[in-house]
């Protein structure tokens, strides 16, 4: 069974930015920036993951909190980008 987009993003965040024991309970809607989980360098790593592992191109204009500040926002961003690519 293929992991959902949100599950893949969560695993990337957990593997690369979270070092606590209770990772599964980090809410998908929580701000990664406000929680101190990710910083500006981490955003660049996240963009690399989205482009390389999920095949989603990320333009400079896409790198805004509305798209990348929470696991849920990132998953929605990926789904929108994939939908746009499929419709083209």
PDB file of N, CA and C in Angstrom:
ATOM      1  N   UNK A   1       0.830  -1.170   0.000  1.00  0.00           N
ATOM      2  CA  UNK A   1       0.000   0.000   0.000  1.00  0.00           C
ATOM      3  C   UNK A   1       0.886   1.248   0.000  1.00  0.00           C
ATOM      4  N   UNK A   2       0.545   2.214  -0.807  1.00  0.00           N
ATOM      5  CA  UNK A   2       1.316   3.437  -0.905  1.00  0.00           C
ATOM      6  C   UNK A   2       0.941   4.387   0.224  1.00  0.00           C
ATOM      7  N   UNK A   3       1.948   4.999   0.834  1.00  0.00           N
ATOM      8  CA  UNK A   3       1.690   5.987   1.877  1.00  0.00           C
ATOM      9  C   UNK A   3       0.985   7.189   1.286  1.00  0.00           C
ATOM     10  N   UNK A   4       0.145   7.818   2.087  1.00  0.00           N
ATOM     11  CA  UNK A   4      -0.486   9.053   1.654  1.00  0.00           C
ATOM     12  C   UNK A   4       0.578  10.143   1.583  1.00  0.00           C
ATOM     13  N   UNK A   5       0.250  11.209   0.876  1.00  0.00           N
ATOM     14  CA  UNK A   5       1.171  12.351   0.788  1.00  0.00           C
ATOM     15  C   UNK A   5       1.466  12.882   2.190  1.00  0.00           C
ATOM     16  N   UNK A   6       0.413  13.029   3.007  1.00  0.00           N
ATOM     17  CA  UNK A   6       0.621  13.558   4.352  1.00  0.00           C
ATOM     18  C   UNK A   6       1.529  12.642   5.169  1.00  0.00           C
ATOM     19  N   UNK A   7       1.372  11.331   5.019  1.00  0.00           N
ATOM     20  CA  UNK A   7       2.215  10.392   5.760  1.00  0.00           C
ATOM     21  C   UNK A   7       3.673  10.503   5.320  1.00  0.00           C
ATOM     22  N   UNK A   8       3.906  10.667   4.039  1.00  0.00           N
ATOM     23  CA  UNK A   8       5.285  10.815   3.543  1.00  0.00           C
ATOM     24  C   UNK A   8       5.912  12.117   4.042  1.00  0.00           C
ATOM     25  N   UNK A   9       5.121  13.188   4.047  1.00  0.00           N
ATOM     26  CA  UNK A   9       5.630  14.473   4.545  1.00  0.00           C
ATOM     27  C   UNK A   9       5.922  14.362   6.040  1.00  0.00           C
ATOM     28  N   UNK A  10       4.989  13.766   6.781  1.00  0.00           N
ATOM     29  CA  UNK A  10       5.189  13.602   8.223  1.00  0.00           C
ATOM     30  C   UNK A  10       6.461  12.795   8.501  1.00  0.00           C
ATOM     31  N   UNK A  11       6.669  11.730   7.777  1.00  0.00           N
ATOM     32  CA  UNK A  11       7.866  10.907   7.985  1.00  0.00           C
ATOM     33  C   UNK A  11       9.137  11.713   7.678  1.00  0.00           C
ATOM     34  N   UNK A  12       9.103  12.516   6.602  1.00  0.00           N
ATOM     35  CA  UNK A  12      10.268  13.353   6.280  1.00  0.00           C
ATOM     36  C   UNK A  12      10.538  14.339   7.421  1.00  0.00           C
ATOM     37  N   UNK A  13       9.485  14.992   7.912  1.00  0.00           N
ATOM     38  CA  UNK A  13       9.647  15.951   9.013  1.00  0.00           C
ATOM     39  C   UNK A  13      10.195  15.241  10.247  1.00  0.00           C
ATOM     40  N   UNK A  14       9.620  14.109  10.577  1.00  0.00           N
ATOM     41  CA  UNK A  14      10.068  13.358  11.753  1.00  0.00           C
ATOM     42  C   UNK A  14      11.520  12.923  11.606  1.00  0.00           C
ATOM     43  N   UNK A  15      11.872  12.417  10.432  1.00  0.00           N
ATOM     44  CA  UNK A  15      13.230  11.909  10.215  1.00  0.00           C
ATOM     45  C   UNK A  15      14.274  13.016  10.199  1.00  0.00           C
ATOM     46  N   UNK A  16      13.876  14.211   9.781  1.00  0.00           N
ATOM     47  CA  UNK A  16      14.855  15.270   9.584  1.00  0.00           C
ATOM     48  C   UNK A  16      14.809  16.409  10.583  1.00  0.00           C
ATOM     49  N   UNK A  17      13.670  16.602  11.260  1.00  0.00           N
ATOM     50  CA  UNK A  17      13.564  17.789  12.119  1.00  0.00           C
ATOM     51  C   UNK A  17      13.085  17.504  13.528  1.00  0.00           C
ATOM     52  N   UNK A  18      12.374  16.436  13.755  1.00  0.00           N
ATOM     53  CA  UNK A  18      11.871  16.163  15.097  1.00  0.00           C
ATOM     54  C   UNK A  18      12.720  15.091  15.749  1.00  0.00           C
ATOM     55  N   UNK A  19      13.092  15.345  16.970  1.00  0.00           N
ATOM     56  CA  UNK A  19      13.916  14.384  17.673  1.00  0.00           C
ATOM     57  C   UNK A  19      13.307  13.992  19.011  1.00  0.00           C
ATOM     58  N   UNK A  20      12.013  14.187  19.143  1.00  0.00           N
ATOM     59  CA  UNK A  20      11.312  13.820  20.367  1.00  0.00           C
ATOM     60  C   UNK A  20      10.782  12.388  20.253  1.00  0.00           C
ATOM     61  N   UNK A  21      10.352  11.857  21.383  1.00  0.00           N
ATOM     62  CA  UNK A  21       9.829  10.494  21.401  1.00  0.00           C
ATOM     63  C   UNK A  21       8.395  10.411  20.903  1.00  0.00           C
ATOM     64  N   UNK A  22       7.628  11.474  21.081  1.00  0.00           N
ATOM     65  CA  UNK A  22       6.201  11.446  20.781  1.00  0.00           C
ATOM     66  C   UNK A  22       5.916  12.144  19.451  1.00  0.00           C
ATOM     67  N   UNK A  23       6.424  11.614  18.378  1.00  0.00           N
ATOM     68  CA  UNK A  23       6.328  12.260  17.079  1.00  0.00           C
ATOM     69  C   UNK A  23       4.966  12.091  16.424  1.00  0.00           C
ATOM     70  N   UNK A  24       4.304  11.001  16.688  1.00  0.00           N
ATOM     71  CA  UNK A  24       3.039  10.724  16.018  1.00  0.00           C
ATOM     72  C   UNK A  24       1.942  11.687  16.448  1.00  0.00           C
ATOM     73  N   UNK A  25       2.100  12.320  17.589  1.00  0.00           N
ATOM     74  CA  UNK A  25       1.059  13.207  18.093  1.00  0.00           C
ATOM     75  C   UNK A  25       1.254  14.669  17.716  1.00  0.00           C
ATOM     76  N   UNK A  26       2.244  14.981  16.898  1.00  0.00           N
ATOM     77  CA  UNK A  26       2.414  16.362  16.441  1.00  0.00           C
ATOM     78  C   UNK A  26       1.271  16.655  15.474  1.00  0.00           C
ATOM     79  N   UNK A  27       0.394  17.609  15.820  1.00  0.00           N
ATOM     80  CA  UNK A  27      -0.790  17.863  14.987  1.00  0.00           C
ATOM     81  C   UNK A  27      -0.427  18.323  13.581  1.00  0.00           C
ATOM     82  N   UNK A  28      -1.127  17.800  12.587  1.00  0.00           N
ATOM     83  CA  UNK A  28      -0.863  18.135  11.188  1.00  0.00           C
ATOM     84  C   UNK A  28      -1.100  19.607  10.898  1.00  0.00           C
ATOM     85  N   UNK A  29      -1.966  20.259  11.690  1.00  0.00           N
ATOM     86  CA  UNK A  29      -2.299  21.658  11.446  1.00  0.00           C
ATOM     87  C   UNK A  29      -1.388  22.621  12.215  1.00  0.00           C
ATOM     88  N   UNK A  30      -0.523  22.112  13.059  1.00  0.00           N
ATOM     89  CA  UNK A  30       0.345  22.988  13.866  1.00  0.00           C
ATOM     90  C   UNK A  30       1.435  23.613  13.010  1.00  0.00           C
ATOM     91  N   UNK A  31       1.760  24.851  13.347  1.00  0.00           N
ATOM     92  CA  UNK A  31       2.800  25.581  12.626  1.00  0.00           C
ATOM     93  C   UNK A  31       4.169  24.988  12.932  1.00  0.00           C
ATOM     94  N   UNK A  32       4.849  24.567  11.890  1.00  0.00           N
ATOM     95  CA  UNK A  32       6.197  24.027  12.057  1.00  0.00           C
ATOM     96  C   UNK A  32       7.177  25.125  12.450  1.00  0.00           C
ATOM     97  N   UNK A  33       6.946  26.341  11.942  1.00  0.00           N
ATOM     98  CA  UNK A  33       7.824  27.474  12.254  1.00  0.00           C
ATOM     99  C   UNK A  33       7.621  27.927  13.691  1.00  0.00           C
ATOM    100  N   UNK A  34       6.359  28.113  14.104  1.00  0.00           N
ATOM    101  CA  UNK A  34       6.078  28.586  15.464  1.00  0.00           C
ATOM    102  C   UNK A  34       6.496  27.564  16.516  1.00  0.00           C
ATOM    103  N   UNK A  35       6.405  26.282  16.189  1.00  0.00           N
ATOM    104  CA  UNK A  35       6.800  25.232  17.130  1.00  0.00           C
ATOM    105  C   UNK A  35       8.318  25.052  17.176  1.00  0.00           C
ATOM    106  N   UNK A  36       9.023  25.742  16.287  1.00  0.00           N
ATOM    107  CA  UNK A  36      10.471  25.627  16.256  1.00  0.00           C
ATOM    108  C   UNK A  36      10.966  24.322  15.662  1.00  0.00           C
ATOM    109  N   UNK A  37      10.089  23.638  14.939  1.00  0.00           N
ATOM    110  CA  UNK A  37      10.456  22.360  14.320  1.00  0.00           C
ATOM    111  C   UNK A  37      11.344  22.589  13.113  1.00  0.00           C
ATOM    112  N   UNK A  38      11.063  23.649  12.380  1.00  0.00           N
ATOM    113  CA  UNK A  38      11.767  23.893  11.130  1.00  0.00           C
ATOM    114  C   UNK A  38      12.167  25.368  11.089  1.00  0.00           C
ATOM    115  N   UNK A  39      13.323  25.657  10.498  1.00  0.00           N
ATOM    116  CA  UNK A  39      13.765  27.044  10.322  1.00  0.00           C
ATOM    117  C   UNK A  39      13.980  27.295   8.837  1.00  0.00           C
ATOM    118  N   UNK A  40      14.576  28.411   8.491  1.00  0.00           N
ATOM    119  CA  UNK A  40      14.719  28.758   7.072  1.00  0.00           C
ATOM    120  C   UNK A  40      15.575  27.747   6.319  1.00  0.00           C
ATOM    121  N   UNK A  41      16.587  27.217   6.952  1.00  0.00           N
ATOM    122  CA  UNK A  41      17.393  26.173   6.310  1.00  0.00           C
ATOM    123  C   UNK A  41      16.565  24.915   6.131  1.00  0.00           C
ATOM    124  N   UNK A  42      15.751  24.609   7.120  1.00  0.00           N
ATOM    125  CA  UNK A  42      14.869  23.448   7.027  1.00  0.00           C
ATOM    126  C   UNK A  42      13.854  23.591   5.905  1.00  0.00           C
ATOM    127  N   UNK A  43      13.385  24.818   5.691  1.00  0.00           N
ATOM    128  CA  UNK A  43      12.442  25.045   4.589  1.00  0.00           C
ATOM    129  C   UNK A  43      13.104  24.672   3.265  1.00  0.00           C
ATOM    130  N   UNK A  44      14.374  25.017   3.121  1.00  0.00           N
ATOM    131  CA  UNK A  44      15.086  24.674   1.885  1.00  0.00           C
ATOM    132  C   UNK A  44      15.226  23.162   1.745  1.00  0.00           C
ATOM    133  N   UNK A  45      15.477  22.468   2.846  1.00  0.00           N
ATOM    134  CA  UNK A  45      15.537  21.003   2.810  1.00  0.00           C
ATOM    135  C   UNK A  45      14.177  20.428   2.441  1.00  0.00           C
ATOM    136  N   UNK A  46      13.127  21.007   2.993  1.00  0.00           N
ATOM    137  CA  UNK A  46      11.765  20.569   2.679  1.00  0.00           C
ATOM    138  C   UNK A  46      11.464  20.767   1.195  1.00  0.00           C
ATOM    139  N   UNK A  47      11.847  21.895   0.652  1.00  0.00           N
ATOM    140  CA  UNK A  47      11.623  22.164  -0.772  1.00  0.00           C
ATOM    141  C   UNK A  47      12.352  21.116  -1.616  1.00  0.00           C
ATOM    142  N   UNK A  48      13.569  20.797  -1.233  1.00  0.00           N
ATOM    143  CA  UNK A  48      14.318  19.756  -1.946  1.00  0.00           C
ATOM    144  C   UNK A  48      13.595  18.418  -1.907  1.00  0.00           C
ATOM    145  N   UNK A  49      13.046  18.075  -0.747  1.00  0.00           N
ATOM    146  CA  UNK A  49      12.270  16.837  -0.613  1.00  0.00           C
ATOM    147  C   UNK A  49      11.049  16.868  -1.526  1.00  0.00           C
ATOM    148  N   UNK A  50      10.324  17.964  -1.537  1.00  0.00           N
ATOM    149  CA  UNK A  50       9.111  18.061  -2.356  1.00  0.00           C
ATOM    150  C   UNK A  50       9.458  17.906  -3.833  1.00  0.00           C
ATOM    151  N   UNK A  51      10.539  18.537  -4.251  1.00  0.00           N
ATOM    152  CA  UNK A  51      10.912  18.474  -5.664  1.00  0.00           C
ATOM    153  C   UNK A  51      11.494  17.113  -6.048  1.00  0.00           C
ATOM    154  N   UNK A  52      12.345  16.585  -5.219  1.00  0.00           N
ATOM    155  CA  UNK A  52      13.050  15.346  -5.560  1.00  0.00           C
ATOM    156  C   UNK A  52      12.214  14.102  -5.278  1.00  0.00           C
ATOM    157  N   UNK A  53      11.670  14.012  -4.092  1.00  0.00           N
ATOM    158  CA  UNK A  53      10.974  12.783  -3.690  1.00  0.00           C
ATOM    159  C   UNK A  53       9.513  12.749  -4.134  1.00  0.00           C
ATOM    160  N   UNK A  54       8.864  13.905  -4.153  1.00  0.00           N
ATOM    161  CA  UNK A  54       7.443  13.939  -4.521  1.00  0.00           C
ATOM    162  C   UNK A  54       7.214  14.474  -5.924  1.00  0.00           C
ATOM    163  N   UNK A  55       8.267  14.952  -6.587  1.00  0.00           N
ATOM    164  CA  UNK A  55       8.154  15.406  -7.962  1.00  0.00           C
ATOM    165  C   UNK A  55       7.315  16.652  -8.149  1.00  0.00           C
ATOM    166  N   UNK A  56       7.316  17.516  -7.146  1.00  0.00           N
ATOM    167  CA  UNK A  56       6.521  18.740  -7.211  1.00  0.00           C
ATOM    168  C   UNK A  56       7.463  19.929  -7.361  1.00  0.00           C
ATOM    169  N   UNK A  57       7.382  20.641  -8.479  1.00  0.00           N
ATOM    170  CA  UNK A  57       8.224  21.832  -8.613  1.00  0.00           C
ATOM    171  C   UNK A  57       7.753  22.926  -7.658  1.00  0.00           C
ATOM    172  N   UNK A  58       8.700  23.591  -7.020  1.00  0.00           N
ATOM    173  CA  UNK A  58       8.374  24.650  -6.063  1.00  0.00           C
ATOM    174  C   UNK A  58       9.051  25.933  -6.535  1.00  0.00           C
ATOM    175  N   UNK A  59       8.245  26.897  -6.964  1.00  0.00           N
ATOM    176  CA  UNK A  59       8.774  28.197  -7.385  1.00  0.00           C
ATOM    177  C   UNK A  59       9.055  29.042  -6.156  1.00  0.00           C
ATOM    178  N   UNK A  60       9.885  30.049  -6.335  1.00  0.00           N
ATOM    179  CA  UNK A  60      10.187  30.955  -5.217  1.00  0.00           C
ATOM    180  C   UNK A  60       8.904  31.538  -4.624  1.00  0.00           C
ATOM    181  N   UNK A  61       7.948  31.866  -5.482  1.00  0.00           N
ATOM    182  CA  UNK A  61       6.687  32.457  -5.015  1.00  0.00           C
ATOM    183  C   UNK A  61       5.855  31.468  -4.196  1.00  0.00           C
ATOM    184  N   UNK A  62       6.146  30.178  -4.321  1.00  0.00           N
ATOM    185  CA  UNK A  62       5.419  29.150  -3.560  1.00  0.00           C
ATOM    186  C   UNK A  62       5.940  29.003  -2.132  1.00  0.00           C
ATOM    187  N   UNK A  63       7.114  29.538  -1.865  1.00  0.00           N
ATOM    188  CA  UNK A  63       7.748  29.360  -0.550  1.00  0.00           C
ATOM    189  C   UNK A  63       7.205  30.419   0.407  1.00  0.00           C
ATOM    190  N   UNK A  64       5.984  30.185   0.855  1.00  0.00           N
ATOM    191  CA  UNK A  64       5.295  31.077   1.789  1.00  0.00           C
ATOM    192  C   UNK A  64       4.649  30.213   2.878  1.00  0.00           C
ATOM    193  N   UNK A  65       4.408  30.796   4.046  1.00  0.00           N
ATOM    194  CA  UNK A  65       3.808  30.024   5.139  1.00  0.00           C
ATOM    195  C   UNK A  65       2.486  29.358   4.771  1.00  0.00           C
ATOM    196  N   UNK A  66       1.688  29.993   3.936  1.00  0.00           N
ATOM    197  CA  UNK A  66       0.406  29.405   3.555  1.00  0.00           C
ATOM    198  C   UNK A  66       0.580  28.028   2.895  1.00  0.00           C
ATOM    199  N   UNK A  67       1.717  27.798   2.267  1.00  0.00           N
ATOM    200  CA  UNK A  67       1.968  26.520   1.592  1.00  0.00           C
ATOM    201  C   UNK A  67       2.817  25.549   2.411  1.00  0.00           C
ATOM    202  N   UNK A  68       3.683  26.069   3.272  1.00  0.00           N
ATOM    203  CA  UNK A  68       4.706  25.205   3.859  1.00  0.00           C
ATOM    204  C   UNK A  68       4.803  25.261   5.378  1.00  0.00           C
ATOM    205  N   UNK A  69       3.812  25.845   6.066  1.00  0.00           N
ATOM    206  CA  UNK A  69       3.958  26.036   7.506  1.00  0.00           C
ATOM    207  C   UNK A  69       3.451  24.881   8.364  1.00  0.00           C
ATOM    208  N   UNK A  70       2.721  23.967   7.793  1.00  0.00           N
ATOM    209  CA  UNK A  70       2.257  22.817   8.577  1.00  0.00           C
ATOM    210  C   UNK A  70       2.225  21.596   7.676  1.00  0.00           C
ATOM    211  N   UNK A  71       2.152  20.440   8.281  1.00  0.00           N
ATOM    212  CA  UNK A  71       2.092  19.205   7.498  1.00  0.00           C
ATOM    213  C   UNK A  71       0.842  19.202   6.625  1.00  0.00           C
ATOM    214  N   UNK A  72      -0.280  19.649   7.175  1.00  0.00           N
ATOM    215  CA  UNK A  72      -1.524  19.688   6.405  1.00  0.00           C
ATOM    216  C   UNK A  72      -1.423  20.674   5.244  1.00  0.00           C
ATOM    217  N   UNK A  73      -0.814  21.849   5.490  1.00  0.00           N
ATOM    218  CA  UNK A  73      -0.663  22.849   4.423  1.00  0.00           C
ATOM    219  C   UNK A  73       0.259  22.329   3.324  1.00  0.00           C
ATOM    220  N   UNK A  74       1.309  21.643   3.708  1.00  0.00           N
ATOM    221  CA  UNK A  74       2.248  21.099   2.718  1.00  0.00           C
ATOM    222  C   UNK A  74       1.547  20.030   1.873  1.00  0.00           C
ATOM    223  N   UNK A  75       0.789  19.166   2.530  1.00  0.00           N
ATOM    224  CA  UNK A  75       0.061  18.114   1.792  1.00  0.00           C
ATOM    225  C   UNK A  75      -0.942  18.733   0.823  1.00  0.00           C
ATOM    226  N   UNK A  76      -1.661  19.764   1.260  1.00  0.00           N
ATOM    227  CA  UNK A  76      -2.623  20.440   0.379  1.00  0.00           C
ATOM    228  C   UNK A  76      -1.901  21.107  -0.788  1.00  0.00           C
ATOM    229  N   UNK A  77      -0.753  21.704  -0.518  1.00  0.00           N
ATOM    230  CA  UNK A  77       0.057  22.329  -1.575  1.00  0.00           C
ATOM    231  C   UNK A  77       0.471  21.292  -2.611  1.00  0.00           C
ATOM    232  N   UNK A  78       0.953  20.146  -2.148  1.00  0.00           N
ATOM    233  CA  UNK A  78       1.369  19.073  -3.070  1.00  0.00           C
ATOM    234  C   UNK A  78       0.181  18.604  -3.907  1.00  0.00           C
ATOM    235  N   UNK A  79      -0.960  18.423  -3.273  1.00  0.00           N
ATOM    236  CA  UNK A  79      -2.156  17.972  -4.014  1.00  0.00           C
ATOM    237  C   UNK A  79      -2.564  19.011  -5.059  1.00  0.00           C
ATOM    238  N   UNK A  80      -2.524  20.302  -4.702  1.00  0.00           N
ATOM    239  CA  UNK A  80      -2.862  21.361  -5.669  1.00  0.00           C
ATOM    240  C   UNK A  80      -1.899  21.350  -6.842  1.00  0.00           C
ATOM    241  N   UNK A  81      -0.616  21.259  -6.563  1.00  0.00           N
ATOM    242  CA  UNK A  81       0.386  21.274  -7.631  1.00  0.00           C
ATOM    243  C   UNK A  81       0.222  20.061  -8.541  1.00  0.00           C
ATOM    244  N   UNK A  82      -0.045  18.915  -7.946  1.00  0.00           N
ATOM    245  CA  UNK A  82      -0.240  17.703  -8.760  1.00  0.00           C
ATOM    246  C   UNK A  82      -1.520  17.819  -9.582  1.00  0.00           C
ATOM    247  N   UNK A  83      -2.554  18.424  -9.015  1.00  0.00           N
ATOM    248  CA  UNK A  83      -3.794  18.618  -9.750  1.00  0.00           C
ATOM    249  C   UNK A  83      -3.613  19.551 -10.925  1.00  0.00           C
ATOM    250  N   UNK A  84      -2.820  20.602 -10.704  1.00  0.00           N
ATOM    251  CA  UNK A  84      -2.544  21.545 -11.786  1.00  0.00           C
ATOM    252  C   UNK A  84      -1.743  20.867 -12.892  1.00  0.00           C
ATOM    253  N   UNK A  85      -0.781  20.039 -12.501  1.00  0.00           N
ATOM    254  CA  UNK A  85       0.041  19.345 -13.494  1.00  0.00           C
ATOM    255  C   UNK A  85      -0.794  18.355 -14.293  1.00  0.00           C
ATOM    256  N   UNK A  86      -1.732  17.670 -13.625  1.00  0.00           N
ATOM    257  CA  UNK A  86      -2.569  16.680 -14.312  1.00  0.00           C
ATOM    258  C   UNK A  86      -3.549  17.356 -15.258  1.00  0.00           C
ATOM    259  N   UNK A  87      -3.999  18.570 -14.896  1.00  0.00           N
ATOM    260  CA  UNK A  87      -4.967  19.283 -15.728  1.00  0.00           C
ATOM    261  C   UNK A  87      -4.321  19.927 -16.951  1.00  0.00           C
ATOM    262  N   UNK A  88      -3.013  20.117 -16.902  1.00  0.00           N
ATOM    263  CA  UNK A  88      -2.312  20.793 -18.012  1.00  0.00           C
ATOM    264  C   UNK A  88      -2.129  19.880 -19.211  1.00  0.00           C
TER     265      UNK A  88
END
